[in-house]
Amino acid sequence: MTDAPDIASVASLIGDRVRAQMLQTLMTGRAHTATELATTAGITKSTASSHLAKLLEARLVSVAVQGRHRYFRLADSGVADLLERLATVTESRTKTRTFGPRDPLMRKARVCYDHIAGELGVLAYESLACRRLIQVGNDGAELSEAGADYFKGLGIDVAGLSSRRRPLCRVCLDWSERRNHLGGSVGAALLSYCLERGWARRAQSSRALLFTADGERAFRRHFPLP
C-alpha cells in the first residue's frame, strides 16, 4: 500500500484519444454540449456522453444545466495547466522540429482556458517580471505591491480577485514558446481586459486569439521589454 496519489487513473482517462480530443476542445474556456464535443471528436453523442461521465466522475470537467441543455467545461485552471504541460512534454519527446501549434495565429496568441498564451502571453509575463510587477520565485509568481497598483490603474479589481480562492498569479509553461505565461486570476482578468477593449477577439474554430493591429500595438505598449 502507498499514500501516493493515484496518477494512473487520471492518466488513463486523459490518455484515451477521444477524451483527449474533447479536453483539448474545452481548452478554449468555452462550454460545449455533448453533441458539440461528439462532433469535434468524430463520435456519436451516446459515446461522447459515456466518456464525459467518466471525466465528470474524475472531476476533470464540470457541467452546468440550462433548461434542456447540459454544458461541459474544464473543471478548473489546474486541469488546463496539466493539459498544456502534457502537450509540451509530448512534443519534446517526438522528432518534430516545431513545438506547439502550426497555425501562426495560434502561435502569436491563443486562449489557454481563461488566459493568454503564445508569443503575446509570454511577452506579458516577461514584461511584468522584468519590471518587478510580479515576483518570480521557486514557488511560482506573486503580484508585487507595484504590480497591484499597476493592474488597479487598468481598472482591474485586484482586491476582488484576492478574495477568491484561486491564486492571483499562476505560472503556466507555454506549449509553443517553451517559456512561461501568466495564468491565475490576474491572467484571466488580463484576457477579459483585452476582449472588452476590442484589442482582440476569440476565433470561432480554434483557440486562436485574434488581435487587431491597433490592439496588438496597445498590448505591446502596456507590456514593454527593456
C-alpha atoms as a PDB file:
ATOM      1  CA  MET A   1       0.000   0.000   0.000  1.00  0.00           C
ATOM      2  CA  THR A   2       1.110   3.552  -0.655  1.00  0.00           C
ATOM      3  CA  ASP A   3      -0.109   7.040   0.157  1.00  0.00           C
ATOM      4  CA  ALA A   4       0.982   8.346  -3.249  1.00  0.00           C
ATOM      5  CA  PRO A   5      -1.768   9.929  -5.384  1.00  0.00           C
ATOM      6  CA  ASP A   6      -3.435   7.697  -7.950  1.00  0.00           C
ATOM      7  CA  ILE A   7      -1.803   9.223 -11.027  1.00  0.00           C
ATOM      8  CA  ALA A   8      -2.567   6.154 -13.138  1.00  0.00           C
ATOM      9  CA  SER A   9      -6.347   6.584 -13.054  1.00  0.00           C
ATOM     10  CA  VAL A  10      -6.233  10.211 -14.210  1.00  0.00           C
ATOM     11  CA  ALA A  11      -3.533   9.452 -16.776  1.00  0.00           C
ATOM     12  CA  SER A  12      -5.601   6.621 -18.258  1.00  0.00           C
ATOM     13  CA  LEU A  13      -8.606   8.923 -18.641  1.00  0.00           C
ATOM     14  CA  ILE A  14      -6.615  11.632 -20.413  1.00  0.00           C
ATOM     15  CA  GLY A  15      -4.675   9.021 -22.402  1.00  0.00           C
ATOM     16  CA  ASP A  16      -7.727   7.932 -24.362  1.00  0.00           C
ATOM     17  CA  ARG A  17      -7.599   9.671 -27.764  1.00  0.00           C
ATOM     18  CA  VAL A  18     -11.292  10.557 -27.835  1.00  0.00           C
ATOM     19  CA  ARG A  19     -11.306  12.007 -24.322  1.00  0.00           C
ATOM     20  CA  ALA A  20      -8.046  13.844 -25.023  1.00  0.00           C
ATOM     21  CA  GLN A  21      -9.653  15.457 -28.088  1.00  0.00           C
ATOM     22  CA  MET A  22     -12.678  16.577 -26.091  1.00  0.00           C
ATOM     23  CA  LEU A  23     -10.470  18.005 -23.351  1.00  0.00           C
ATOM     24  CA  GLN A  24      -8.413  19.888 -25.938  1.00  0.00           C
ATOM     25  CA  THR A  25     -11.625  21.343 -27.369  1.00  0.00           C
ATOM     26  CA  LEU A  26     -12.535  22.611 -23.891  1.00  0.00           C
ATOM     27  CA  MET A  27      -9.172  24.397 -23.621  1.00  0.00           C
ATOM     28  CA  THR A  28     -10.838  27.384 -25.310  1.00  0.00           C
ATOM     29  CA  GLY A  29     -12.548  28.064 -21.981  1.00  0.00           C
ATOM     30  CA  ARG A  30     -15.949  27.863 -23.670  1.00  0.00           C
ATOM     31  CA  ALA A  31     -18.621  25.447 -22.510  1.00  0.00           C
ATOM     32  CA  HIS A  32     -19.829  22.826 -25.003  1.00  0.00           C
ATOM     33  CA  THR A  33     -22.696  20.375 -25.193  1.00  0.00           C
ATOM     34  CA  ALA A  34     -22.144  16.639 -25.540  1.00  0.00           C
ATOM     35  CA  THR A  35     -23.342  16.903 -29.159  1.00  0.00           C
ATOM     36  CA  GLU A  36     -20.746  19.558 -29.974  1.00  0.00           C
ATOM     37  CA  LEU A  37     -17.972  17.566 -28.319  1.00  0.00           C
ATOM     38  CA  ALA A  38     -19.087  14.424 -30.151  1.00  0.00           C
ATOM     39  CA  THR A  39     -18.754  16.286 -33.453  1.00  0.00           C
ATOM     40  CA  THR A  40     -15.230  17.507 -32.706  1.00  0.00           C
ATOM     41  CA  ALA A  41     -14.172  14.006 -31.650  1.00  0.00           C
ATOM     42  CA  GLY A  42     -15.905  12.273 -34.572  1.00  0.00           C
ATOM     43  CA  ILE A  43     -18.059  10.017 -32.409  1.00  0.00           C
ATOM     44  CA  THR A  44     -21.761   9.566 -31.622  1.00  0.00           C
ATOM     45  CA  LYS A  45     -23.469  11.588 -28.906  1.00  0.00           C
ATOM     46  CA  SER A  46     -24.110   8.472 -26.803  1.00  0.00           C
ATOM     47  CA  THR A  47     -20.411   7.566 -26.923  1.00  0.00           C
ATOM     48  CA  ALA A  48     -19.468  11.137 -26.024  1.00  0.00           C
ATOM     49  CA  SER A  49     -21.861  11.053 -23.061  1.00  0.00           C
ATOM     50  CA  SER A  50     -20.181   7.885 -21.797  1.00  0.00           C
ATOM     51  CA  HIS A  51     -16.751   9.495 -21.993  1.00  0.00           C
ATOM     52  CA  LEU A  52     -17.989  12.691 -20.346  1.00  0.00           C
ATOM     53  CA  ALA A  53     -19.479  10.717 -17.462  1.00  0.00           C
ATOM     54  CA  LYS A  54     -16.017   9.316 -16.730  1.00  0.00           C
ATOM     55  CA  LEU A  55     -14.411  12.756 -16.938  1.00  0.00           C
ATOM     56  CA  LEU A  56     -17.076  14.155 -14.611  1.00  0.00           C
ATOM     57  CA  GLU A  57     -16.507  11.386 -12.084  1.00  0.00           C
ATOM     58  CA  ALA A  58     -12.788  12.169 -12.084  1.00  0.00           C
ATOM     59  CA  ARG A  59     -13.582  15.895 -11.753  1.00  0.00           C
ATOM     60  CA  LEU A  60     -11.648  16.757 -14.894  1.00  0.00           C
ATOM     61  CA  VAL A  61     -14.718  18.508 -16.294  1.00  0.00           C
ATOM     62  CA  SER A  62     -17.751  20.191 -14.771  1.00  0.00           C
ATOM     63  CA  VAL A  63     -21.279  20.548 -16.098  1.00  0.00           C
ATOM     64  CA  ALA A  64     -23.897  23.300 -15.936  1.00  0.00           C
ATOM     65  CA  VAL A  65     -27.560  22.702 -16.753  1.00  0.00           C
ATOM     66  CA  GLN A  66     -29.569  25.370 -18.566  1.00  0.00           C
ATOM     67  CA  GLY A  67     -33.073  24.296 -19.488  1.00  0.00           C
ATOM     68  CA  ARG A  68     -32.831  21.094 -21.532  1.00  0.00           C
ATOM     69  CA  HIS A  69     -29.126  21.509 -22.237  1.00  0.00           C
ATOM     70  CA  ARG A  70     -26.047  20.383 -20.349  1.00  0.00           C
ATOM     71  CA  TYR A  71     -22.875  22.387 -20.930  1.00  0.00           C
ATOM     72  CA  PHE A  72     -19.464  20.924 -20.182  1.00  0.00           C
ATOM     73  CA  ARG A  73     -16.227  22.761 -19.471  1.00  0.00           C
ATOM     74  CA  LEU A  74     -12.862  22.012 -17.868  1.00  0.00           C
ATOM     75  CA  ALA A  75     -13.198  21.694 -14.106  1.00  0.00           C
ATOM     76  CA  ASP A  76     -10.651  24.410 -13.331  1.00  0.00           C
ATOM     77  CA  SER A  77      -7.426  26.100 -14.402  1.00  0.00           C
ATOM     78  CA  GLY A  78      -5.362  23.291 -12.848  1.00  0.00           C
ATOM     79  CA  VAL A  79      -6.716  20.844 -15.435  1.00  0.00           C
ATOM     80  CA  ALA A  80      -5.926  23.332 -18.224  1.00  0.00           C
ATOM     81  CA  ASP A  81      -2.386  23.761 -16.888  1.00  0.00           C
ATOM     82  CA  LEU A  82      -1.951  19.977 -16.834  1.00  0.00           C
ATOM     83  CA  LEU A  83      -3.086  19.660 -20.475  1.00  0.00           C
ATOM     84  CA  GLU A  84      -0.785  22.481 -21.600  1.00  0.00           C
ATOM     85  CA  ARG A  85       2.166  20.841 -19.848  1.00  0.00           C
ATOM     86  CA  LEU A  86       1.309  17.447 -21.319  1.00  0.00           C
ATOM     87  CA  ALA A  87       1.350  18.969 -24.794  1.00  0.00           C
ATOM     88  CA  THR A  88       4.790  20.408 -24.052  1.00  0.00           C
ATOM     89  CA  VAL A  89       6.167  17.125 -22.705  1.00  0.00           C
ATOM     90  CA  THR A  90       4.671  15.128 -25.578  1.00  0.00           C
ATOM     91  CA  GLU A  91       6.262  17.244 -28.288  1.00  0.00           C
ATOM     92  CA  SER A  92       9.612  17.433 -26.512  1.00  0.00           C
ATOM     93  CA  ARG A  93       9.823  13.643 -26.845  1.00  0.00           C
ATOM     94  CA  THR A  94       8.929  13.424 -30.511  1.00  0.00           C
ATOM     95  CA  LYS A  95      11.004  14.119 -33.618  1.00  0.00           C
ATOM     96  CA  THR A  96       9.032  17.230 -34.558  1.00  0.00           C
ATOM     97  CA  ARG A  97      11.151  20.305 -35.185  1.00  0.00           C
ATOM     98  CA  THR A  98       8.395  22.790 -34.428  1.00  0.00           C
ATOM     99  CA  PHE A  99       6.846  22.872 -30.998  1.00  0.00           C
ATOM    100  CA  GLY A 100       3.280  23.968 -30.469  1.00  0.00           C
ATOM    101  CA  PRO A 101       0.510  24.591 -32.998  1.00  0.00           C
ATOM    102  CA  ARG A 102       1.339  25.006 -36.683  1.00  0.00           C
ATOM    103  CA  ASP A 103      -1.180  27.800 -37.138  1.00  0.00           C
ATOM    104  CA  PRO A 104       0.776  31.110 -36.890  1.00  0.00           C
ATOM    105  CA  LEU A 105      -2.264  32.828 -35.392  1.00  0.00           C
ATOM    106  CA  MET A 106      -2.319  30.261 -32.571  1.00  0.00           C
ATOM    107  CA  ARG A 107       1.401  30.764 -32.042  1.00  0.00           C
ATOM    108  CA  LYS A 108       1.001  34.544 -31.845  1.00  0.00           C
ATOM    109  CA  ALA A 109      -1.794  34.449 -29.252  1.00  0.00           C
ATOM    110  CA  ARG A 110      -4.307  31.877 -28.113  1.00  0.00           C
ATOM    111  CA  VAL A 111      -6.606  31.156 -25.205  1.00  0.00           C
ATOM    112  CA  CYS A 112      -5.300  28.747 -22.593  1.00  0.00           C
ATOM    113  CA  TYR A 113      -8.555  28.057 -20.713  1.00  0.00           C
ATOM    114  CA  ASP A 114      -9.099  31.648 -19.493  1.00  0.00           C
ATOM    115  CA  HIS A 115      -5.796  33.437 -20.011  1.00  0.00           C
ATOM    116  CA  ILE A 116      -3.472  34.453 -22.848  1.00  0.00           C
ATOM    117  CA  ALA A 117      -0.882  32.017 -24.187  1.00  0.00           C
ATOM    118  CA  GLY A 118       1.517  32.130 -27.118  1.00  0.00           C
ATOM    119  CA  GLU A 119       4.007  34.845 -28.041  1.00  0.00           C
ATOM    120  CA  LEU A 120       1.949  37.693 -26.589  1.00  0.00           C
ATOM    121  CA  GLY A 121       1.122  35.802 -23.400  1.00  0.00           C
ATOM    122  CA  VAL A 122       4.813  35.142 -22.793  1.00  0.00           C
ATOM    123  CA  LEU A 123       5.604  38.779 -23.584  1.00  0.00           C
ATOM    124  CA  ALA A 124       3.200  39.973 -20.894  1.00  0.00           C
ATOM    125  CA  TYR A 125       4.673  37.617 -18.294  1.00  0.00           C
ATOM    126  CA  GLU A 126       8.271  38.574 -19.057  1.00  0.00           C
ATOM    127  CA  SER A 127       7.463  42.279 -19.116  1.00  0.00           C
ATOM    128  CA  LEU A 128       5.776  42.064 -15.711  1.00  0.00           C
ATOM    129  CA  ALA A 129       8.713  40.094 -14.308  1.00  0.00           C
ATOM    130  CA  CYS A 130      11.357  42.471 -15.716  1.00  0.00           C
ATOM    131  CA  ARG A 131       9.540  45.476 -14.233  1.00  0.00           C
ATOM    132  CA  ARG A 132       9.127  43.629 -10.923  1.00  0.00           C
ATOM    133  CA  LEU A 133       5.368  43.889 -11.113  1.00  0.00           C
ATOM    134  CA  ILE A 134       5.338  40.189 -10.392  1.00  0.00           C
ATOM    135  CA  GLN A 135       7.879  38.486  -8.162  1.00  0.00           C
ATOM    136  CA  VAL A 136       9.055  35.186  -9.567  1.00  0.00           C
ATOM    137  CA  GLY A 137      10.422  32.501  -7.265  1.00  0.00           C
ATOM    138  CA  ASN A 138      10.734  28.747  -6.961  1.00  0.00           C
ATOM    139  CA  ASP A 139       7.102  28.513  -5.882  1.00  0.00           C
ATOM    140  CA  GLY A 140       5.794  30.447  -8.894  1.00  0.00           C
ATOM    141  CA  ALA A 141       4.874  34.112  -9.174  1.00  0.00           C
ATOM    142  CA  GLU A 142       3.238  36.639  -6.893  1.00  0.00           C
ATOM    143  CA  LEU A 143       1.840  40.068  -7.628  1.00  0.00           C
ATOM    144  CA  SER A 144       4.070  42.750  -6.089  1.00  0.00           C
ATOM    145  CA  GLU A 145       2.719  45.894  -4.450  1.00  0.00           C
ATOM    146  CA  ALA A 146       3.716  47.873  -7.540  1.00  0.00           C
ATOM    147  CA  GLY A 147       2.048  45.209  -9.685  1.00  0.00           C
ATOM    148  CA  ALA A 148      -1.197  45.519  -7.733  1.00  0.00           C
ATOM    149  CA  ASP A 149      -1.118  49.291  -8.286  1.00  0.00           C
ATOM    150  CA  TYR A 150      -0.429  48.763 -11.994  1.00  0.00           C
ATOM    151  CA  PHE A 151      -3.431  46.497 -12.513  1.00  0.00           C
ATOM    152  CA  LYS A 152      -5.627  48.763 -10.401  1.00  0.00           C
ATOM    153  CA  GLY A 153      -4.616  51.536 -12.798  1.00  0.00           C
ATOM    154  CA  LEU A 154      -6.004  49.435 -15.639  1.00  0.00           C
ATOM    155  CA  GLY A 155      -9.311  49.246 -13.813  1.00  0.00           C
ATOM    156  CA  ILE A 156      -8.857  45.630 -12.681  1.00  0.00           C
ATOM    157  CA  ASP A 157     -10.309  44.933  -9.225  1.00  0.00           C
ATOM    158  CA  VAL A 158      -7.282  43.332  -7.597  1.00  0.00           C
ATOM    159  CA  ALA A 159      -8.894  43.357  -4.149  1.00  0.00           C
ATOM    160  CA  GLY A 160     -11.875  41.464  -5.521  1.00  0.00           C
ATOM    161  CA  LEU A 161      -9.613  38.942  -7.207  1.00  0.00           C
ATOM    162  CA  SER A 162      -7.659  38.489  -3.961  1.00  0.00           C
ATOM    163  CA  SER A 163     -10.826  37.480  -2.109  1.00  0.00           C
ATOM    164  CA  ARG A 164     -11.255  34.405  -4.300  1.00  0.00           C
ATOM    165  CA  ARG A 165      -9.792  31.008  -3.513  1.00  0.00           C
ATOM    166  CA  ARG A 166      -7.931  30.951  -6.804  1.00  0.00           C
ATOM    167  CA  PRO A 167      -4.293  32.228  -6.792  1.00  0.00           C
ATOM    168  CA  LEU A 168      -3.804  35.716  -8.175  1.00  0.00           C
ATOM    169  CA  CYS A 169      -0.867  34.607 -10.305  1.00  0.00           C
ATOM    170  CA  ARG A 170      -0.124  31.190 -11.704  1.00  0.00           C
ATOM    171  CA  VAL A 171       2.901  30.261 -13.812  1.00  0.00           C
ATOM    172  CA  CYS A 172       1.986  28.215 -16.878  1.00  0.00           C
ATOM    173  CA  LEU A 173       4.622  26.741 -19.196  1.00  0.00           C
ATOM    174  CA  ASP A 174       3.736  27.771 -22.731  1.00  0.00           C
ATOM    175  CA  TRP A 175       3.199  24.984 -25.268  1.00  0.00           C
ATOM    176  CA  SER A 176       4.751  26.807 -28.245  1.00  0.00           C
ATOM    177  CA  GLU A 177       7.152  29.299 -26.664  1.00  0.00           C
ATOM    178  CA  ARG A 178       8.624  26.933 -24.047  1.00  0.00           C
ATOM    179  CA  ARG A 179       8.655  29.832 -21.621  1.00  0.00           C
ATOM    180  CA  ASN A 180       6.156  30.907 -19.000  1.00  0.00           C
ATOM    181  CA  HIS A 181       2.946  32.809 -19.482  1.00  0.00           C
ATOM    182  CA  LEU A 182       0.649  34.192 -16.778  1.00  0.00           C
ATOM    183  CA  GLY A 183      -2.386  32.343 -15.512  1.00  0.00           C
ATOM    184  CA  GLY A 184      -4.404  32.718 -12.319  1.00  0.00           C
ATOM    185  CA  SER A 185      -6.999  35.382 -11.569  1.00  0.00           C
ATOM    186  CA  VAL A 186      -4.795  38.188 -12.885  1.00  0.00           C
ATOM    187  CA  GLY A 187      -4.129  36.296 -16.113  1.00  0.00           C
ATOM    188  CA  ALA A 188      -7.866  35.754 -16.606  1.00  0.00           C
ATOM    189  CA  ALA A 189      -8.577  39.418 -15.863  1.00  0.00           C
ATOM    190  CA  LEU A 190      -5.989  40.450 -18.447  1.00  0.00           C
ATOM    191  CA  LEU A 191      -7.683  38.357 -21.139  1.00  0.00           C
ATOM    192  CA  SER A 192     -11.037  39.941 -20.276  1.00  0.00           C
ATOM    193  CA  TYR A 193      -9.408  43.385 -20.385  1.00  0.00           C
ATOM    194  CA  CYS A 194      -8.160  42.799 -23.944  1.00  0.00           C
ATOM    195  CA  LEU A 195     -11.515  41.452 -25.136  1.00  0.00           C
ATOM    196  CA  GLU A 196     -13.551  44.225 -23.529  1.00  0.00           C
ATOM    197  CA  ARG A 197     -11.431  46.921 -25.182  1.00  0.00           C
ATOM    198  CA  GLY A 198     -11.725  45.315 -28.569  1.00  0.00           C
ATOM    199  CA  TRP A 199      -7.992  44.675 -28.826  1.00  0.00           C
ATOM    200  CA  ALA A 200      -8.691  41.059 -29.697  1.00  0.00           C
ATOM    201  CA  ARG A 201     -11.478  38.577 -30.290  1.00  0.00           C
ATOM    202  CA  ARG A 202     -11.732  34.825 -29.988  1.00  0.00           C
ATOM    203  CA  ALA A 203     -11.555  32.764 -33.180  1.00  0.00           C
ATOM    204  CA  GLN A 204     -14.658  30.672 -33.785  1.00  0.00           C
ATOM    205  CA  SER A 205     -12.978  27.449 -34.844  1.00  0.00           C
ATOM    206  CA  SER A 206      -9.795  27.325 -32.765  1.00  0.00           C
ATOM    207  CA  ARG A 207      -8.137  28.597 -29.604  1.00  0.00           C
ATOM    208  CA  ALA A 208      -6.578  31.485 -31.547  1.00  0.00           C
ATOM    209  CA  LEU A 209      -6.910  34.955 -30.044  1.00  0.00           C
ATOM    210  CA  LEU A 210      -7.104  37.418 -32.930  1.00  0.00           C
ATOM    211  CA  PHE A 211      -5.583  40.809 -32.131  1.00  0.00           C
ATOM    212  CA  THR A 212      -6.274  43.785 -34.341  1.00  0.00           C
ATOM    213  CA  ALA A 213      -3.237  45.776 -35.499  1.00  0.00           C
ATOM    214  CA  ASP A 214      -4.137  48.609 -33.107  1.00  0.00           C
ATOM    215  CA  GLY A 215      -4.877  46.114 -30.343  1.00  0.00           C
ATOM    216  CA  GLU A 216      -1.503  44.434 -30.646  1.00  0.00           C
ATOM    217  CA  ARG A 217       0.269  47.800 -30.628  1.00  0.00           C
ATOM    218  CA  ALA A 218      -1.629  48.796 -27.478  1.00  0.00           C
ATOM    219  CA  PHE A 219      -0.831  45.452 -25.850  1.00  0.00           C
ATOM    220  CA  ARG A 220       2.864  45.798 -26.607  1.00  0.00           C
ATOM    221  CA  ARG A 221       2.855  49.362 -25.199  1.00  0.00           C
ATOM    222  CA  HIS A 222       1.389  48.025 -21.964  1.00  0.00           C
ATOM    223  CA  PHE A 223       3.939  45.220 -21.779  1.00  0.00           C
ATOM    224  CA  PRO A 224       7.317  46.526 -22.988  1.00  0.00           C
ATOM    225  CA  LEU A 225      10.614  44.751 -22.539  1.00  0.00           C
ATOM    226  CA  PRO A 226      13.821  46.581 -21.609  1.00  0.00           C
END
